[in-house]
Amino acid sequence: MEETLVERGKSLAAPTIFIIVAAFHFLSRYIELNKKKKGSLNAKDDQLRSEIKELLKEASSLSQPSTFAQAAKLRRMAAAKEKELAKNQEIQKKEVKSSYDTQEKILKISNVLAYAVLIIWFWRMPVATISEELVQPFGKMLSWRSGGALKDHVTVGIMPWLIVSARVNRFICRKVLK
């Protein structure tokens, strides 16, 4: 009875590790994609844009030589508001970037800690067993640091399983989250 529970626990180890690795990859990809998106628009920026548009429209309507000075004044006001808008957007971009940088650092640290815990936990223990015919040329590589060998089966160690899981999940994340 105890052997079946141990075997059942080992059989759940590989999918559990794969899901943990997938979660870290999806979170990092999600943060990366949100970081690339532009910062959210706020009401102040919208108001500045509408004021700039109105000033430029008003300045273009004043095309007579007698109203040239007034049109130039309106254009200078629009240029000042454009500078203010650019400054606001730059500040907002820096704030968004710093918050995402903090999230990325926390995720990387927790990723390293999770990998370390998994490696320590499964160091000399096989994560999964696969039929030898399925992994014929790579059997020795997959069974690295996994303990003993079984008859007609290859045991998969934690290091090769983490590498394979990471590669597969990175590929899936890039295809799913574009």
C-alpha atoms as a PDB file:
ATOM      1  CA  MET A   1       0.000   0.000   0.000  1.00  0.00           C
ATOM      2  CA  GLU A   2       2.834   2.417   0.848  1.00  0.00           C
ATOM      3  CA  GLU A   3       4.667   1.693  -2.405  1.00  0.00           C
ATOM      4  CA  THR A   4       1.627   2.600  -4.481  1.00  0.00           C
ATOM      5  CA  LEU A   5       1.325   5.928  -2.650  1.00  0.00           C
ATOM      6  CA  VAL A   6       5.011   6.638  -3.211  1.00  0.00           C
ATOM      7  CA  GLU A   7       4.696   5.695  -6.888  1.00  0.00           C
ATOM      8  CA  ARG A   8       1.549   7.812  -7.210  1.00  0.00           C
ATOM      9  CA  GLY A   9       3.395  10.760  -5.634  1.00  0.00           C
ATOM     10  CA  LYS A  10       6.264  10.332  -8.072  1.00  0.00           C
ATOM     11  CA  SER A  11       3.895  10.174 -11.003  1.00  0.00           C
ATOM     12  CA  LEU A  12       2.370  13.523  -9.971  1.00  0.00           C
ATOM     13  CA  ALA A  13       5.765  15.155  -9.526  1.00  0.00           C
ATOM     14  CA  ALA A  14       6.452  15.724 -13.231  1.00  0.00           C
ATOM     15  CA  PRO A  15       3.132  17.428 -14.073  1.00  0.00           C
ATOM     16  CA  THR A  16       3.282  19.490 -10.885  1.00  0.00           C
ATOM     17  CA  ILE A  17       6.778  20.724 -11.698  1.00  0.00           C
ATOM     18  CA  PHE A  18       5.688  21.456 -15.275  1.00  0.00           C
ATOM     19  CA  ILE A  19       2.734  23.520 -14.012  1.00  0.00           C
ATOM     20  CA  ILE A  20       4.937  25.467 -11.571  1.00  0.00           C
ATOM     21  CA  VAL A  21       7.408  26.279 -14.340  1.00  0.00           C
ATOM     22  CA  ALA A  22       4.514  27.232 -16.648  1.00  0.00           C
ATOM     23  CA  ALA A  23       3.078  29.590 -14.037  1.00  0.00           C
ATOM     24  CA  PHE A  24       6.387  31.430 -13.696  1.00  0.00           C
ATOM     25  CA  HIS A  25       6.806  31.713 -17.472  1.00  0.00           C
ATOM     26  CA  PHE A  26       3.258  32.967 -18.029  1.00  0.00           C
ATOM     27  CA  LEU A  27       3.597  35.555 -15.245  1.00  0.00           C
ATOM     28  CA  SER A  28       6.908  36.850 -16.558  1.00  0.00           C
ATOM     29  CA  ARG A  29       5.552  37.035 -20.124  1.00  0.00           C
ATOM     30  CA  TYR A  30       2.417  38.820 -18.875  1.00  0.00           C
ATOM     31  CA  ILE A  31       4.498  41.407 -17.005  1.00  0.00           C
ATOM     32  CA  GLU A  32       6.752  41.847 -20.037  1.00  0.00           C
ATOM     33  CA  LEU A  33       3.790  42.468 -22.352  1.00  0.00           C
ATOM     34  CA  ASN A  34       2.117  44.910 -19.944  1.00  0.00           C
ATOM     35  CA  LYS A  35       5.401  46.770 -19.545  1.00  0.00           C
ATOM     36  CA  LYS A  36       5.618  47.259 -23.310  1.00  0.00           C
ATOM     37  CA  LYS A  37       2.103  48.675 -23.517  1.00  0.00           C
ATOM     38  CA  LYS A  38       1.823  52.380 -23.122  1.00  0.00           C
ATOM     39  CA  GLY A  39       0.739  53.833 -19.819  1.00  0.00           C
ATOM     40  CA  SER A  40      -2.949  54.364 -19.262  1.00  0.00           C
ATOM     41  CA  LEU A  41      -4.390  57.667 -20.309  1.00  0.00           C
ATOM     42  CA  ASN A  42      -5.619  59.988 -17.619  1.00  0.00           C
ATOM     43  CA  ALA A  43      -8.079  62.863 -17.671  1.00  0.00           C
ATOM     44  CA  LYS A  44      -5.396  65.552 -17.420  1.00  0.00           C
ATOM     45  CA  ASP A  45      -3.645  64.288 -20.561  1.00  0.00           C
ATOM     46  CA  ASP A  46      -6.941  64.149 -22.442  1.00  0.00           C
ATOM     47  CA  GLN A  47      -7.727  67.719 -21.389  1.00  0.00           C
ATOM     48  CA  LEU A  48      -4.301  68.927 -22.542  1.00  0.00           C
ATOM     49  CA  ARG A  49      -4.726  67.205 -25.905  1.00  0.00           C
ATOM     50  CA  SER A  50      -8.122  68.826 -26.458  1.00  0.00           C
ATOM     51  CA  GLU A  51      -6.741  72.268 -25.469  1.00  0.00           C
ATOM     52  CA  ILE A  52      -3.814  71.851 -27.884  1.00  0.00           C
ATOM     53  CA  LYS A  53      -6.179  70.855 -30.660  1.00  0.00           C
ATOM     54  CA  GLU A  54      -8.422  73.886 -29.981  1.00  0.00           C
ATOM     55  CA  LEU A  55      -5.470  76.309 -29.885  1.00  0.00           C
ATOM     56  CA  LEU A  56      -4.064  74.994 -33.173  1.00  0.00           C
ATOM     57  CA  LYS A  57      -7.501  75.112 -34.796  1.00  0.00           C
ATOM     58  CA  GLU A  58      -7.981  78.698 -33.613  1.00  0.00           C
ATOM     59  CA  ALA A  59      -4.498  79.662 -34.809  1.00  0.00           C
ATOM     60  CA  SER A  60      -5.102  78.184 -38.261  1.00  0.00           C
ATOM     61  CA  SER A  61      -8.358  80.140 -38.587  1.00  0.00           C
ATOM     62  CA  LEU A  62      -6.422  83.390 -38.072  1.00  0.00           C
ATOM     63  CA  SER A  63      -4.691  83.531 -41.439  1.00  0.00           C
ATOM     64  CA  GLN A  64      -4.926  87.262 -42.155  1.00  0.00           C
ATOM     65  CA  PRO A  65      -1.785  89.418 -42.011  1.00  0.00           C
ATOM     66  CA  SER A  66      -3.410  91.620 -39.377  1.00  0.00           C
ATOM     67  CA  THR A  67      -4.000  88.588 -37.066  1.00  0.00           C
ATOM     68  CA  PHE A  68      -0.545  87.043 -37.537  1.00  0.00           C
ATOM     69  CA  ALA A  69       0.681  88.067 -34.062  1.00  0.00           C
ATOM     70  CA  GLN A  70      -2.374  86.585 -32.377  1.00  0.00           C
ATOM     71  CA  ALA A  71      -1.982  83.311 -34.359  1.00  0.00           C
ATOM     72  CA  ALA A  72       1.711  83.104 -33.406  1.00  0.00           C
ATOM     73  CA  LYS A  73       0.806  83.632 -29.753  1.00  0.00           C
ATOM     74  CA  LEU A  74      -1.740  80.777 -29.938  1.00  0.00           C
ATOM     75  CA  ARG A  75       0.838  78.483 -31.590  1.00  0.00           C
ATOM     76  CA  ARG A  76       3.363  79.260 -28.828  1.00  0.00           C
ATOM     77  CA  MET A  77       0.727  78.440 -26.206  1.00  0.00           C
ATOM     78  CA  ALA A  78      -0.010  75.139 -27.984  1.00  0.00           C
ATOM     79  CA  ALA A  79       3.720  74.327 -28.086  1.00  0.00           C
ATOM     80  CA  ALA A  80       4.018  75.007 -24.333  1.00  0.00           C
ATOM     81  CA  LYS A  81       1.057  72.723 -23.645  1.00  0.00           C
ATOM     82  CA  GLU A  82       2.634  70.031 -25.856  1.00  0.00           C
ATOM     83  CA  LYS A  83       5.812  70.241 -23.760  1.00  0.00           C
ATOM     84  CA  GLU A  84       3.732  69.929 -20.591  1.00  0.00           C
ATOM     85  CA  LEU A  85       1.933  66.898 -22.045  1.00  0.00           C
ATOM     86  CA  ALA A  86       5.246  65.265 -23.004  1.00  0.00           C
ATOM     87  CA  LYS A  87       6.591  65.912 -19.495  1.00  0.00           C
ATOM     88  CA  ASN A  88       3.484  64.360 -17.891  1.00  0.00           C
ATOM     89  CA  GLN A  89       3.720  61.316 -20.147  1.00  0.00           C
ATOM     90  CA  GLU A  90       7.421  60.861 -19.353  1.00  0.00           C
ATOM     91  CA  ILE A  91       6.742  60.986 -15.605  1.00  0.00           C
ATOM     92  CA  GLN A  92       3.886  58.514 -15.972  1.00  0.00           C
ATOM     93  CA  LYS A  93       6.066  56.196 -18.081  1.00  0.00           C
ATOM     94  CA  LYS A  94       8.811  56.221 -15.424  1.00  0.00           C
ATOM     95  CA  GLU A  95       6.306  55.394 -12.672  1.00  0.00           C
ATOM     96  CA  VAL A  96       4.856  52.486 -14.659  1.00  0.00           C
ATOM     97  CA  LYS A  97       8.325  51.210 -15.519  1.00  0.00           C
ATOM     98  CA  SER A  98       9.500  51.302 -11.910  1.00  0.00           C
ATOM     99  CA  SER A  99       6.442  49.378 -10.698  1.00  0.00           C
ATOM    100  CA  TYR A 100       6.940  46.706 -13.376  1.00  0.00           C
ATOM    101  CA  ASP A 101      10.668  46.517 -12.572  1.00  0.00           C
ATOM    102  CA  THR A 102       9.805  45.769  -8.944  1.00  0.00           C
ATOM    103  CA  GLN A 103       7.353  43.074 -10.014  1.00  0.00           C
ATOM    104  CA  GLU A 104       9.958  41.531 -12.321  1.00  0.00           C
ATOM    105  CA  LYS A 105      12.556  41.435  -9.540  1.00  0.00           C
ATOM    106  CA  ILE A 106      10.124  39.762  -7.128  1.00  0.00           C
ATOM    107  CA  LEU A 107       9.151  37.227  -9.787  1.00  0.00           C
ATOM    108  CA  LYS A 108      12.792  36.409 -10.608  1.00  0.00           C
ATOM    109  CA  ILE A 109      13.685  35.938  -6.949  1.00  0.00           C
ATOM    110  CA  SER A 110      10.684  33.686  -6.329  1.00  0.00           C
ATOM    111  CA  ASN A 111      11.481  31.774  -9.548  1.00  0.00           C
ATOM    112  CA  VAL A 112      15.043  31.093  -8.386  1.00  0.00           C
ATOM    113  CA  LEU A 113      13.832  30.060  -4.936  1.00  0.00           C
ATOM    114  CA  ALA A 114      11.212  27.705  -6.398  1.00  0.00           C
ATOM    115  CA  TYR A 115      13.792  26.100  -8.701  1.00  0.00           C
ATOM    116  CA  ALA A 116      16.212  25.692  -5.789  1.00  0.00           C
ATOM    117  CA  VAL A 117      13.554  24.069  -3.608  1.00  0.00           C
ATOM    118  CA  LEU A 118      12.545  21.708  -6.421  1.00  0.00           C
ATOM    119  CA  ILE A 119      16.161  20.752  -7.116  1.00  0.00           C
ATOM    120  CA  ILE A 120      16.888  20.081  -3.447  1.00  0.00           C
ATOM    121  CA  TRP A 121      13.650  18.145  -2.998  1.00  0.00           C
ATOM    122  CA  PHE A 122      14.100  15.872  -6.030  1.00  0.00           C
ATOM    123  CA  TRP A 123      17.932  15.723  -6.180  1.00  0.00           C
ATOM    124  CA  ARG A 124      18.479  11.963  -6.100  1.00  0.00           C
ATOM    125  CA  MET A 125      14.866  10.996  -6.731  1.00  0.00           C
ATOM    126  CA  PRO A 126      13.392  10.301 -10.171  1.00  0.00           C
ATOM    127  CA  VAL A 127      10.719  12.757 -11.245  1.00  0.00           C
ATOM    128  CA  ALA A 128       9.184  10.439 -13.834  1.00  0.00           C
ATOM    129  CA  THR A 129       9.782   7.181 -15.626  1.00  0.00           C
ATOM    130  CA  ILE A 130       9.593   6.838 -19.383  1.00  0.00           C
ATOM    131  CA  SER A 131       9.806   3.800 -21.577  1.00  0.00           C
ATOM    132  CA  GLU A 132      13.321   3.334 -22.881  1.00  0.00           C
ATOM    133  CA  GLU A 133      12.139   3.061 -26.500  1.00  0.00           C
ATOM    134  CA  LEU A 134      10.681   6.584 -26.420  1.00  0.00           C
ATOM    135  CA  VAL A 135      13.945   8.263 -25.459  1.00  0.00           C
ATOM    136  CA  GLN A 136      16.444   5.882 -27.040  1.00  0.00           C
ATOM    137  CA  PRO A 137      19.392   8.191 -27.768  1.00  0.00           C
ATOM    138  CA  PHE A 138      18.759  10.565 -24.843  1.00  0.00           C
ATOM    139  CA  GLY A 139      18.135   8.089 -22.026  1.00  0.00           C
ATOM    140  CA  LYS A 140      21.401   8.754 -20.189  1.00  0.00           C
ATOM    141  CA  MET A 141      20.947  12.526 -20.377  1.00  0.00           C
ATOM    142  CA  LEU A 142      17.412  12.395 -18.993  1.00  0.00           C
ATOM    143  CA  SER A 143      18.350  10.092 -16.139  1.00  0.00           C
ATOM    144  CA  TRP A 144      21.159  12.353 -14.915  1.00  0.00           C
ATOM    145  CA  ARG A 145      21.109  12.559 -11.085  1.00  0.00           C
ATOM    146  CA  SER A 146      17.863  10.624 -10.782  1.00  0.00           C
ATOM    147  CA  GLY A 147      19.023   7.636  -8.785  1.00  0.00           C
ATOM    148  CA  GLY A 148      18.783   4.036  -9.926  1.00  0.00           C
ATOM    149  CA  ALA A 149      17.630   2.678 -13.254  1.00  0.00           C
ATOM    150  CA  LEU A 150      14.588   0.483 -13.832  1.00  0.00           C
ATOM    151  CA  LYS A 151      14.251  -2.433 -16.232  1.00  0.00           C
ATOM    152  CA  ASP A 152      13.143  -1.235 -19.704  1.00  0.00           C
ATOM    153  CA  HIS A 153      12.457   2.246 -18.324  1.00  0.00           C
ATOM    154  CA  VAL A 154      14.481   5.427 -18.013  1.00  0.00           C
ATOM    155  CA  THR A 155      14.115   7.570 -14.920  1.00  0.00           C
ATOM    156  CA  VAL A 156      14.031  11.328 -15.495  1.00  0.00           C
ATOM    157  CA  GLY A 157      16.010  13.525 -13.124  1.00  0.00           C
ATOM    158  CA  ILE A 158      15.008  16.946 -11.847  1.00  0.00           C
ATOM    159  CA  MET A 159      17.618  18.945 -13.788  1.00  0.00           C
ATOM    160  CA  PRO A 160      16.733  17.587 -17.242  1.00  0.00           C
ATOM    161  CA  TRP A 161      13.023  17.863 -16.419  1.00  0.00           C
ATOM    162  CA  LEU A 162      13.387  21.524 -15.400  1.00  0.00           C
ATOM    163  CA  ILE A 163      15.311  22.280 -18.588  1.00  0.00           C
ATOM    164  CA  VAL A 164      12.754  20.545 -20.817  1.00  0.00           C
ATOM    165  CA  SER A 165       9.832  22.137 -18.936  1.00  0.00           C
ATOM    166  CA  ALA A 166      11.351  25.602 -19.204  1.00  0.00           C
ATOM    167  CA  ARG A 167      11.978  25.285 -22.951  1.00  0.00           C
ATOM    168  CA  VAL A 168       8.516  23.933 -23.692  1.00  0.00           C
ATOM    169  CA  ASN A 169       6.816  26.561 -21.536  1.00  0.00           C
ATOM    170  CA  ARG A 170       8.828  29.396 -23.077  1.00  0.00           C
ATOM    171  CA  PHE A 171       7.728  28.232 -26.532  1.00  0.00           C
ATOM    172  CA  ILE A 172       4.084  27.930 -25.452  1.00  0.00           C
ATOM    173  CA  CYS A 173       4.097  31.367 -23.793  1.00  0.00           C
ATOM    174  CA  ARG A 174       5.439  33.053 -26.899  1.00  0.00           C
ATOM    175  CA  LYS A 175       2.815  31.399 -29.078  1.00  0.00           C
ATOM    176  CA  VAL A 176      -0.131  31.970 -26.715  1.00  0.00           C
ATOM    177  CA  LEU A 177       0.704  35.450 -25.357  1.00  0.00           C
ATOM    178  CA  LYS A 178       1.721  37.513 -28.370  1.00  0.00           C
END
